[in-house]
Amino acid sequence: MLDSPAWADIYTRNGALLVEGEFVQRLNYGQTLETIAEHGAKAFYHGDIAKKTVKTIQKLGGVMDLDDVSCVSTGR
């Protein structure tokens, strides 16, 4: 987690991992949950959340694409 800016921003302070009991604030996650609550599962599987998730996975070397995400929602 120390080497990943996405995780380090959440789970570290001053270059060290947080310890049990320290405050963690995940604003993006909160926004994601609000979007799903407002627009339903379609927002997760077919909207900006899906696109951003796939972009991040691919940036980190993963092979997931938007078809993979939509297959989950349709059970294909």
Foldseek 3Di string as FASTA:
>chain_A
DLPDPVVCVFQHDPSDGDDPPDDGDDVVVVVVVVCCVVPNPCCCLPHPVLVVVQVVCVVVPHDDDSVNSNCVVVVD
